[in-house]
Amino acid sequence: MPIFIKTEKFKDKTLELSKIEKKRFLSMHQEWVQDISNSGHYIHSGYLINEKKMPGGGGLLIIEAKDYLTARKIIEEDPMIKNKLVIWELQEWIPINGSKPKFFNHLG
């Protein structure tokens, strides 16, 4: 099954949220990811940090779906997207060489 990569950058208004507000939205996002995982989809999500280990650069999400439209439909339900907190992009990933990524281990 194809693998899709969602990249995102936080909007300025997101970076200006209070710690409590940020934590609330991140918690909603984590619950959403867990719900998708529980439904049987392969999904993995994380945030990006700079060379000083400081967050704020945005995030990366990897999801397996039957096609682009299915992946997009799932991704558009992300609370970070629904609340317009990020600028995002979704692309299909086509591996061409290199080591087999660990996230392919579930494929057998």
C-alpha atoms as a PDB file:
ATOM      1  CA  MET A   1       0.000   0.000   0.000  1.00  0.00           C
ATOM      2  CA  PRO A   2       1.302   3.502  -0.798  1.00  0.00           C
ATOM      3  CA  ILE A   3       2.961   5.667   1.854  1.00  0.00           C
ATOM      4  CA  PHE A   4       2.080   9.357   2.129  1.00  0.00           C
ATOM      5  CA  ILE A   5       3.992  12.103   3.896  1.00  0.00           C
ATOM      6  CA  LYS A   6       2.296  15.153   5.367  1.00  0.00           C
ATOM      7  CA  THR A   7       4.610  18.036   6.217  1.00  0.00           C
ATOM      8  CA  GLU A   8       3.398  21.048   8.098  1.00  0.00           C
ATOM      9  CA  LYS A   9       4.614  24.361   9.431  1.00  0.00           C
ATOM     10  CA  PHE A  10       2.970  26.153  12.294  1.00  0.00           C
ATOM     11  CA  LYS A  11       1.292  29.429  11.429  1.00  0.00           C
ATOM     12  CA  ASP A  12       2.443  32.518  13.322  1.00  0.00           C
ATOM     13  CA  LYS A  13      -0.834  32.536  15.248  1.00  0.00           C
ATOM     14  CA  THR A  14      -0.106  28.976  16.418  1.00  0.00           C
ATOM     15  CA  LEU A  15       3.287  29.946  17.775  1.00  0.00           C
ATOM     16  CA  GLU A  16       1.625  32.779  19.694  1.00  0.00           C
ATOM     17  CA  LEU A  17      -0.822  30.488  21.533  1.00  0.00           C
ATOM     18  CA  SER A  18      -0.405  30.043  25.276  1.00  0.00           C
ATOM     19  CA  LYS A  19       1.237  26.834  26.519  1.00  0.00           C
ATOM     20  CA  ILE A  20      -2.161  25.613  27.718  1.00  0.00           C
ATOM     21  CA  GLU A  21      -3.749  26.202  24.297  1.00  0.00           C
ATOM     22  CA  LYS A  22      -0.837  24.535  22.480  1.00  0.00           C
ATOM     23  CA  LYS A  23      -1.029  21.548  24.809  1.00  0.00           C
ATOM     24  CA  ARG A  24      -4.787  21.233  24.224  1.00  0.00           C
ATOM     25  CA  PHE A  25      -4.418  21.188  20.433  1.00  0.00           C
ATOM     26  CA  LEU A  26      -1.455  18.789  20.548  1.00  0.00           C
ATOM     27  CA  SER A  27      -3.453  16.479  22.806  1.00  0.00           C
ATOM     28  CA  MET A  28      -6.338  16.540  20.305  1.00  0.00           C
ATOM     29  CA  HIS A  29      -3.882  15.733  17.510  1.00  0.00           C
ATOM     30  CA  GLN A  30      -2.378  12.818  19.482  1.00  0.00           C
ATOM     31  CA  GLU A  31      -5.836  11.386  20.181  1.00  0.00           C
ATOM     32  CA  TRP A  32      -6.694  11.690  16.487  1.00  0.00           C
ATOM     33  CA  VAL A  33      -3.491   9.822  15.513  1.00  0.00           C
ATOM     34  CA  GLN A  34      -4.221   7.099  18.078  1.00  0.00           C
ATOM     35  CA  ASP A  35      -7.795   6.707  16.782  1.00  0.00           C
ATOM     36  CA  ILE A  36      -6.492   6.245  13.232  1.00  0.00           C
ATOM     37  CA  SER A  37      -3.919   3.732  14.437  1.00  0.00           C
ATOM     38  CA  ASN A  38      -6.617   1.853  16.372  1.00  0.00           C
ATOM     39  CA  SER A  39      -8.722   1.691  13.193  1.00  0.00           C
ATOM     40  CA  GLY A  40      -5.977  -0.336  11.485  1.00  0.00           C
ATOM     41  CA  HIS A  41      -4.153   2.322   9.456  1.00  0.00           C
ATOM     42  CA  TYR A  42      -0.390   2.612   9.729  1.00  0.00           C
ATOM     43  CA  ILE A  43       0.337   6.158  10.906  1.00  0.00           C
ATOM     44  CA  HIS A  44       3.262   7.814  12.643  1.00  0.00           C
ATOM     45  CA  SER A  45       3.441  11.465  13.665  1.00  0.00           C
ATOM     46  CA  GLY A  46       6.039  13.722  15.236  1.00  0.00           C
ATOM     47  CA  TYR A  47       7.253  17.285  15.478  1.00  0.00           C
ATOM     48  CA  LEU A  48      10.377  18.904  14.108  1.00  0.00           C
ATOM     49  CA  ILE A  49      13.107  20.589  16.153  1.00  0.00           C
ATOM     50  CA  ASN A  50      16.073  22.731  15.230  1.00  0.00           C
ATOM     51  CA  GLU A  51      19.780  22.139  15.914  1.00  0.00           C
ATOM     52  CA  LYS A  52      19.295  23.440  19.464  1.00  0.00           C
ATOM     53  CA  LYS A  53      16.508  20.871  20.049  1.00  0.00           C
ATOM     54  CA  MET A  54      13.894  23.640  20.127  1.00  0.00           C
ATOM     55  CA  PRO A  55      10.435  22.782  18.723  1.00  0.00           C
ATOM     56  CA  GLY A  56       8.383  25.117  16.583  1.00  0.00           C
ATOM     57  CA  GLY A  57       9.355  24.049  13.084  1.00  0.00           C
ATOM     58  CA  GLY A  58       6.186  22.097  12.432  1.00  0.00           C
ATOM     59  CA  GLY A  59       5.629  18.416  12.014  1.00  0.00           C
ATOM     60  CA  LEU A  60       5.850  15.329   9.865  1.00  0.00           C
ATOM     61  CA  LEU A  61       3.264  12.575   9.535  1.00  0.00           C
ATOM     62  CA  ILE A  62       3.617   9.265   7.700  1.00  0.00           C
ATOM     63  CA  ILE A  63       0.483   7.358   6.756  1.00  0.00           C
ATOM     64  CA  GLU A  64      -0.316   4.339   4.659  1.00  0.00           C
ATOM     65  CA  ALA A  65      -3.464   4.579   2.533  1.00  0.00           C
ATOM     66  CA  LYS A  66      -4.867   2.953  -0.590  1.00  0.00           C
ATOM     67  CA  ASP A  67      -4.551   6.177  -2.627  1.00  0.00           C
ATOM     68  CA  TYR A  68      -3.958   9.922  -2.438  1.00  0.00           C
ATOM     69  CA  LEU A  69      -7.625  10.859  -2.033  1.00  0.00           C
ATOM     70  CA  THR A  70      -8.038   8.461   0.893  1.00  0.00           C
ATOM     71  CA  ALA A  71      -4.912   9.813   2.570  1.00  0.00           C
ATOM     72  CA  ARG A  72      -6.064  13.409   2.035  1.00  0.00           C
ATOM     73  CA  LYS A  73      -9.524  12.678   3.432  1.00  0.00           C
ATOM     74  CA  ILE A  74      -7.944  11.228   6.590  1.00  0.00           C
ATOM     75  CA  ILE A  75      -5.396  14.051   6.938  1.00  0.00           C
ATOM     76  CA  GLU A  76      -8.014  16.777   6.576  1.00  0.00           C
ATOM     77  CA  GLU A  77      -9.567  15.532   9.836  1.00  0.00           C
ATOM     78  CA  ASP A  78      -6.396  16.377  11.802  1.00  0.00           C
ATOM     79  CA  PRO A  79      -7.391  18.884  14.509  1.00  0.00           C
ATOM     80  CA  MET A  80      -4.324  20.975  13.623  1.00  0.00           C
ATOM     81  CA  ILE A  81      -5.688  21.328  10.073  1.00  0.00           C
ATOM     82  CA  LYS A  82      -9.346  21.675  11.040  1.00  0.00           C
ATOM     83  CA  ASN A  83      -8.409  24.532  13.388  1.00  0.00           C
ATOM     84  CA  LYS A  84      -6.240  26.171  10.700  1.00  0.00           C
ATOM     85  CA  LEU A  85      -3.110  26.076  12.878  1.00  0.00           C
ATOM     86  CA  VAL A  86      -0.733  24.800  10.194  1.00  0.00           C
ATOM     87  CA  ILE A  87       0.217  25.221   6.574  1.00  0.00           C
ATOM     88  CA  TRP A  88       0.472  21.685   5.218  1.00  0.00           C
ATOM     89  CA  GLU A  89       1.277  19.607   2.192  1.00  0.00           C
ATOM     90  CA  LEU A  90       0.601  15.958   1.401  1.00  0.00           C
ATOM     91  CA  GLN A  91       2.683  13.905  -1.010  1.00  0.00           C
ATOM     92  CA  GLU A  92       3.054  10.253  -1.890  1.00  0.00           C
ATOM     93  CA  TRP A  93       6.502   8.861  -1.145  1.00  0.00           C
ATOM     94  CA  ILE A  94       8.099   6.608  -3.760  1.00  0.00           C
ATOM     95  CA  PRO A  95      11.196   4.874  -2.313  1.00  0.00           C
ATOM     96  CA  ILE A  96      13.856   4.140  -4.920  1.00  0.00           C
ATOM     97  CA  ASN A  97      16.865   2.848  -2.981  1.00  0.00           C
ATOM     98  CA  GLY A  98      18.583   2.621   0.379  1.00  0.00           C
ATOM     99  CA  SER A  99      17.878   0.654   3.506  1.00  0.00           C
ATOM    100  CA  LYS A 100      14.401  -0.628   4.167  1.00  0.00           C
ATOM    101  CA  PRO A 101      12.834   1.838   6.643  1.00  0.00           C
ATOM    102  CA  LYS A 102      11.761   0.301   9.947  1.00  0.00           C
ATOM    103  CA  PHE A 103       8.197   1.441   9.382  1.00  0.00           C
ATOM    104  CA  PHE A 104       7.994  -1.061   6.516  1.00  0.00           C
ATOM    105  CA  ASN A 105       8.493  -3.941   8.966  1.00  0.00           C
ATOM    106  CA  HIS A 106       4.750  -4.192   9.527  1.00  0.00           C
ATOM    107  CA  LEU A 107       4.321  -5.079   5.841  1.00  0.00           C
ATOM    108  CA  GLY A 108       6.166  -8.361   6.300  1.00  0.00           C
END
